[in-house]
């Protein structure tokens, strides 16, 4: 098998793994606070084990560690709102609304990267908004989940763009550990404080332990290490174009598992298809300008 085809197969496996996070979020019976807390605990333990075997040091200066943990707070808030959105709606709605991360990134990125806004970006953003109009109009019962998923997308956009600035001077593996540590601190605070206001189940059932292990080890620690290796061997443009397939994989998988609860109206799929088309168009235009190679690729879901 030619080398490039092998890495393309691994790339789509990584994207499929990213898409399963929403599926696992629905399978796990825990509330969103406890779910994210266990995910981070398992992922941190797995990374420490990996770094220990590789005899890799995690030592960095205090200021950088605090900065990374601060970015990790954004990551933690993104995960908390994402899984809460799934709990309040379903996988299909949450993943489609989460696709608005491209819309938020188009406004945040020019500010932090200090570049001009391309004419296509506001037009594509408008197209995404129109797609959401169709989704929201015909699936109003999932309004709370849509709102939370939109907030999660905005947080993910901030996290990704900030990571793009930090990854230029720091080891991405060390970055991820401290960012996950920051996210863990936020999840611990939410579990200890917010769960008192809104009681949630915090003790996992036996089957939950299996799903949590997959979520923490495969979908977090392993997928991160895999994506790092892939970014070194394929272009960032190819990676980002493949990432756009994540909601498609997730929706198809959710339909196969829960055909009754995940089957939506025909108008929903029209809107979803239009949103995904706009996202692909955005990636394509950025790739033609050569800007995609200057961005970081965030694989954390």
Protein backbone atom coordinates (compact mmCIF):
# COMPACT_ATOMS: atom_id res chain seq x y z
CA UNK A 1 0.00 0.00 0.00
CA UNK A 2 1.36 3.43 -0.94
CA UNK A 3 2.37 5.57 2.03
CA UNK A 4 -0.06 8.43 1.29
CA UNK A 5 -3.06 6.09 1.11
CA UNK A 6 -2.11 4.56 4.44
CA UNK A 7 -2.11 7.96 6.12
CA UNK A 8 -5.41 8.92 4.46
CA UNK A 9 -6.99 5.80 5.97
CA UNK A 10 -5.59 6.70 9.40
CA UNK A 11 -6.85 10.25 8.93
CA UNK A 12 -10.43 9.13 8.32
CA UNK A 13 -10.17 6.74 11.26
CA UNK A 14 -9.19 9.73 13.42
CA UNK A 15 -12.14 11.77 12.10
CA UNK A 16 -14.49 8.86 12.78
CA UNK A 17 -13.15 8.67 16.36
CA UNK A 18 -13.80 12.40 16.80
CA UNK A 19 -17.37 11.84 15.63
CA UNK A 20 -17.99 9.11 18.18
CA UNK A 21 -17.60 11.51 21.13
CA UNK A 22 -21.19 12.66 20.67
CA UNK A 23 -22.38 9.06 20.43
CA UNK A 24 -20.60 8.17 23.67
CA UNK A 25 -22.03 11.28 25.31
CA UNK A 26 -25.51 9.94 24.66
CA UNK A 27 -24.64 6.38 25.70
CA UNK A 28 -23.21 7.44 29.07
CA UNK A 29 -25.95 7.87 31.66
CA UNK A 30 -23.99 10.39 33.76
CA UNK A 31 -24.77 14.10 33.77
CA UNK A 32 -22.53 16.34 31.67
CA UNK A 33 -20.44 17.59 34.64
CA UNK A 34 -19.55 14.10 35.84
CA UNK A 35 -19.08 12.84 32.27
CA UNK A 36 -16.50 15.52 31.44
CA UNK A 37 -14.79 15.09 34.84
CA UNK A 38 -14.28 11.34 34.34
CA UNK A 39 -13.20 11.86 30.72
CA UNK A 40 -10.50 14.30 31.75
CA UNK A 41 -9.36 12.18 34.69
CA UNK A 42 -8.91 9.13 32.46
CA UNK A 43 -7.27 11.15 29.66
CA UNK A 44 -4.78 12.78 32.04
CA UNK A 45 -3.88 9.42 33.55
CA UNK A 46 -3.41 7.93 30.07
CA UNK A 47 -1.18 10.84 28.96
CA UNK A 48 0.92 10.58 32.12
CA UNK A 49 1.36 6.88 31.41
CA UNK A 50 2.35 7.56 27.79
CA UNK A 51 4.80 10.31 28.78
CA UNK A 52 6.20 8.12 31.54
CA UNK A 53 6.87 5.23 29.15
CA UNK A 54 8.43 7.65 26.65
CA UNK A 55 10.44 9.26 29.51
CA UNK A 56 9.30 12.69 28.38
CA UNK A 57 9.50 15.66 30.74
CA UNK A 58 6.46 17.87 31.33
CA UNK A 59 8.44 20.61 33.07
CA UNK A 60 7.73 24.18 31.88
CA UNK A 61 7.89 27.57 33.56
CA UNK A 62 5.02 28.57 35.86
CA UNK A 63 3.80 31.47 33.69
CA UNK A 64 3.47 29.28 30.60
CA UNK A 65 1.78 26.52 32.62
CA UNK A 66 -0.80 28.98 33.98
CA UNK A 67 -1.41 30.40 30.48
CA UNK A 68 -2.01 26.91 29.09
CA UNK A 69 -4.31 26.02 31.97
CA UNK A 70 -6.22 29.24 31.28
CA UNK A 71 -6.76 28.12 27.68
CA UNK A 72 -7.74 24.76 29.13
CA UNK A 73 -10.59 26.46 31.00
CA UNK A 74 -12.04 27.39 27.60
CA UNK A 75 -11.65 23.77 26.49
CA UNK A 76 -13.41 22.55 29.63
CA UNK A 77 -16.30 24.98 29.11
CA UNK A 78 -16.54 23.83 25.48
CA UNK A 79 -16.84 20.17 26.52
CA UNK A 80 -19.32 20.90 29.31
CA UNK A 81 -21.67 22.81 26.99
CA UNK A 82 -21.22 20.28 24.17
CA UNK A 83 -22.23 17.26 26.24
CA UNK A 84 -25.02 19.19 27.96
CA UNK A 85 -26.35 20.03 24.48
CA UNK A 86 -26.45 16.33 23.61
CA UNK A 87 -28.26 15.55 26.86
CA UNK A 88 -30.89 18.21 26.08
CA UNK A 89 -31.38 17.44 22.38
CA UNK A 90 -29.70 14.66 20.39
CA UNK A 91 -26.49 13.88 18.51
CA UNK A 92 -27.69 15.07 15.10
CA UNK A 93 -28.86 18.50 16.26
CA UNK A 94 -25.82 19.05 18.48
CA UNK A 95 -23.27 18.15 15.80
CA UNK A 96 -24.93 20.25 13.12
CA UNK A 97 -25.13 23.30 15.40
CA UNK A 98 -21.56 22.69 16.54
CA UNK A 99 -20.50 23.08 12.92
CA UNK A 100 -20.97 26.82 13.42
CA UNK A 101 -17.42 26.79 14.83
CA UNK A 102 -16.36 27.79 11.28
CA UNK A 103 -18.58 30.86 11.52
CA UNK A 104 -17.10 31.99 14.84
CA UNK A 105 -13.55 31.24 13.71
CA UNK A 106 -14.00 33.46 10.63
CA UNK A 107 -14.52 36.46 12.93
CA UNK A 108 -12.05 35.60 15.72
CA UNK A 109 -9.15 34.49 13.52
CA UNK A 110 -8.53 37.80 11.65
CA UNK A 111 -8.39 39.69 14.98
CA UNK A 112 -5.84 37.44 16.70
CA UNK A 113 -3.81 36.68 13.55
CA UNK A 114 -3.94 40.35 12.55
CA UNK A 115 -4.96 39.73 8.99
CA UNK A 116 -7.64 41.22 6.80
CA UNK A 117 -11.05 39.59 6.47
CA UNK A 118 -11.49 37.90 3.09
CA UNK A 119 -14.66 38.80 1.19
CA UNK A 120 -15.80 35.17 1.21
CA UNK A 121 -15.81 34.82 5.01
CA UNK A 122 -18.82 37.03 5.87
CA UNK A 123 -20.73 35.59 2.89
CA UNK A 124 -20.05 32.02 4.02
CA UNK A 125 -20.97 33.06 7.56
CA UNK A 126 -24.28 34.39 6.27
CA UNK A 127 -24.83 31.08 4.44
CA UNK A 128 -24.25 29.14 7.66
CA UNK A 129 -26.72 31.40 9.49
CA UNK A 130 -29.34 30.72 6.79
CA UNK A 131 -28.73 26.98 7.19
CA UNK A 132 -29.32 27.31 10.92
CA UNK A 133 -32.54 29.18 10.24
CA UNK A 134 -33.93 26.08 8.52
CA UNK A 135 -32.67 23.78 11.28
CA UNK A 136 -34.05 25.98 14.07
CA UNK A 137 -37.36 26.68 12.33
CA UNK A 138 -38.34 23.06 11.94
CA UNK A 139 -36.74 21.59 15.11
CA UNK A 140 -37.70 24.28 17.65
CA UNK A 141 -38.26 21.66 20.36
CA UNK A 142 -34.47 21.28 20.58
CA UNK A 143 -33.88 25.02 21.08
CA UNK A 144 -32.01 24.59 24.40
CA UNK A 145 -29.65 22.03 22.90
CA UNK A 146 -29.07 24.22 19.84
CA UNK A 147 -28.18 27.22 21.99
CA UNK A 148 -25.76 25.22 24.14
CA UNK A 149 -24.17 23.68 21.05
CA UNK A 150 -23.73 27.15 19.53
CA UNK A 151 -22.03 28.35 22.72
CA UNK A 152 -19.82 25.26 22.62
CA UNK A 153 -18.86 26.07 19.02
CA UNK A 154 -17.91 29.64 19.97
CA UNK A 155 -15.72 28.35 22.81
CA UNK A 156 -14.12 25.77 20.50
CA UNK A 157 -13.31 28.54 17.99
CA UNK A 158 -11.56 30.60 20.68
CA UNK A 159 -9.68 27.55 21.92
CA UNK A 160 -8.51 26.55 18.42
CA UNK A 161 -7.34 30.03 17.43
CA UNK A 162 -5.49 30.55 20.72
CA UNK A 163 -3.86 27.14 20.29
CA UNK A 164 -2.70 28.25 16.86
CA UNK A 165 -0.74 31.06 18.48
CA UNK A 166 0.73 28.91 21.26
CA UNK A 167 1.71 25.89 19.14
CA UNK A 168 4.25 28.01 17.26
CA UNK A 169 6.57 28.03 20.28
CA UNK A 170 5.53 25.09 22.46
CA UNK A 171 5.52 21.30 22.22
CA UNK A 172 1.89 20.37 21.37
CA UNK A 173 2.06 17.28 23.56
CA UNK A 174 3.07 19.28 26.63
CA UNK A 175 0.46 21.91 25.70
CA UNK A 176 -2.29 19.33 25.68
CA UNK A 177 -1.41 18.00 29.13
CA UNK A 178 -1.61 21.41 30.80
CA UNK A 179 -4.73 22.39 28.84
CA UNK A 180 -6.44 19.19 29.92
CA UNK A 181 -5.32 19.91 33.48
CA UNK A 182 -6.98 23.35 33.29
CA UNK A 183 -10.14 21.79 31.87
CA UNK A 184 -10.08 19.23 34.70
CA UNK A 185 -9.98 22.03 37.29
CA UNK A 186 -13.06 23.65 35.73
CA UNK A 187 -14.90 20.31 35.52
CA UNK A 188 -14.08 19.65 39.18
CA UNK A 189 -15.46 23.06 40.17
CA UNK A 190 -18.65 22.50 38.19
CA UNK A 191 -19.08 19.02 39.60
CA UNK A 192 -18.65 20.29 43.14
CA UNK A 193 -20.71 23.50 42.89
CA UNK A 194 -23.17 23.38 39.99
CA UNK A 195 -24.24 19.80 40.66
CA UNK A 196 -25.55 21.05 44.02
CA UNK A 197 -27.81 23.50 42.18
CA UNK A 198 -28.80 21.02 39.48
CA UNK A 199 -28.38 17.49 40.92
CA UNK A 200 -26.80 15.01 38.52
CA UNK A 201 -25.78 11.38 38.68
CA UNK A 202 -22.07 11.22 39.54
CA UNK A 203 -21.47 7.51 40.06
CA UNK A 204 -21.04 5.60 36.79
CA UNK A 205 -22.88 2.37 36.08
CA UNK A 206 -20.80 -0.68 35.05
CA UNK A 207 -21.45 -0.10 31.33
CA UNK A 208 -20.64 3.61 31.75
CA UNK A 209 -17.13 2.65 32.84
CA UNK A 210 -16.54 1.00 29.46
CA UNK A 211 -17.83 4.02 27.51
CA UNK A 212 -15.83 6.40 29.71
CA UNK A 213 -12.66 4.38 29.16
CA UNK A 214 -13.18 4.58 25.39
CA UNK A 215 -13.96 8.30 25.62
CA UNK A 216 -10.92 9.08 27.78
CA UNK A 217 -8.32 6.78 26.24
CA UNK A 218 -9.36 6.36 22.59
CA UNK A 219 -11.26 9.59 21.86
CA UNK A 220 -8.95 11.87 23.85
CA UNK A 221 -5.44 10.56 24.56
CA UNK A 222 -5.08 8.22 21.55
CA UNK A 223 -6.83 10.52 19.04
CA UNK A 224 -4.57 13.38 20.09
CA UNK A 225 -1.37 11.35 19.65
CA UNK A 226 -2.67 10.03 16.31
CA UNK A 227 -3.53 13.50 15.03
CA UNK A 228 -0.06 14.80 15.95
CA UNK A 229 1.52 12.03 13.87
CA UNK A 230 -0.85 12.68 10.95
CA UNK A 231 -0.21 16.44 10.91
CA UNK A 232 3.48 15.68 10.46
CA UNK A 233 2.80 13.56 7.37
CA UNK A 234 -0.10 15.23 5.56
CA UNK A 235 -0.92 18.83 4.80
CA UNK A 236 -3.00 20.81 7.31
CA UNK A 237 -5.40 21.55 4.44
CA UNK A 238 -6.08 17.83 3.91
CA UNK A 239 -6.56 17.38 7.64
CA UNK A 240 -9.06 20.23 7.98
CA UNK A 241 -11.03 19.13 4.90
CA UNK A 242 -11.34 15.64 6.39
CA UNK A 243 -12.39 17.08 9.78
CA UNK A 244 -15.40 18.61 8.01
CA UNK A 245 -16.73 15.06 7.58
CA UNK A 246 -17.06 14.62 11.35
CA UNK A 247 -20.74 15.68 11.65
CA UNK A 248 -21.63 13.47 8.68
CA UNK A 249 -20.01 10.41 10.24
CA UNK A 250 -21.60 11.16 13.61
CA UNK A 251 -25.12 11.71 12.23
CA UNK A 252 -25.00 8.51 10.15
CA UNK A 253 -23.75 6.51 13.13
CA UNK A 254 -26.43 8.01 15.41
CA UNK A 255 -29.13 7.17 12.85
CA UNK A 256 -27.90 3.57 12.73
CA UNK A 257 -27.99 3.23 16.54
CA UNK A 258 -31.12 5.29 17.39
CA UNK A 259 -33.25 5.50 14.23
CA UNK A 260 -36.35 6.63 16.15
CA UNK A 261 -34.92 9.50 18.20
CA UNK A 262 -32.29 10.64 15.68
CA UNK A 263 -34.47 10.75 12.56
CA UNK A 264 -35.26 14.41 11.89
CA UNK A 265 -37.49 16.31 9.47
CA UNK A 266 -36.51 16.60 5.80
CA UNK A 267 -36.04 20.36 6.27
CA UNK A 268 -33.46 19.65 8.99
CA UNK A 269 -31.34 17.65 6.55
CA UNK A 270 -31.66 20.39 3.91
CA UNK A 271 -30.35 22.91 6.42
CA UNK A 272 -27.64 20.53 7.66
CA UNK A 273 -26.45 19.77 4.12
CA UNK A 274 -26.29 23.49 3.33
CA UNK A 275 -24.24 24.19 6.48
CA UNK A 276 -21.77 21.39 5.74
CA UNK A 277 -21.46 22.60 2.12
CA UNK A 278 -20.60 26.11 3.38
CA UNK A 279 -17.97 24.67 5.72
CA UNK A 280 -16.35 22.71 2.88
CA UNK A 281 -16.41 25.81 0.69
CA UNK A 282 -14.72 27.82 3.45
CA UNK A 283 -11.95 25.21 3.81
CA UNK A 284 -11.49 25.02 0.04
CA UNK A 285 -11.13 28.79 -0.39
CA UNK A 286 -8.69 29.06 2.50
CA UNK A 287 -6.67 26.21 1.04
CA UNK A 288 -6.45 28.00 -2.32
CA UNK A 289 -5.13 31.12 -0.60
CA UNK A 290 -2.48 29.04 1.17
CA UNK A 291 -3.71 30.21 4.56
CA UNK A 292 -4.60 26.74 5.82
CA UNK A 293 -0.97 25.87 6.33
CA UNK A 294 -0.60 28.73 8.84
CA UNK A 295 -3.33 27.47 11.12
CA UNK A 296 -3.13 24.98 13.91
CA UNK A 297 -5.19 21.86 13.64
CA UNK A 298 -7.20 21.19 16.75
CA UNK A 299 -8.33 17.61 17.15
CA UNK A 300 -9.79 17.78 20.62
CA UNK A 301 -13.53 17.06 20.75
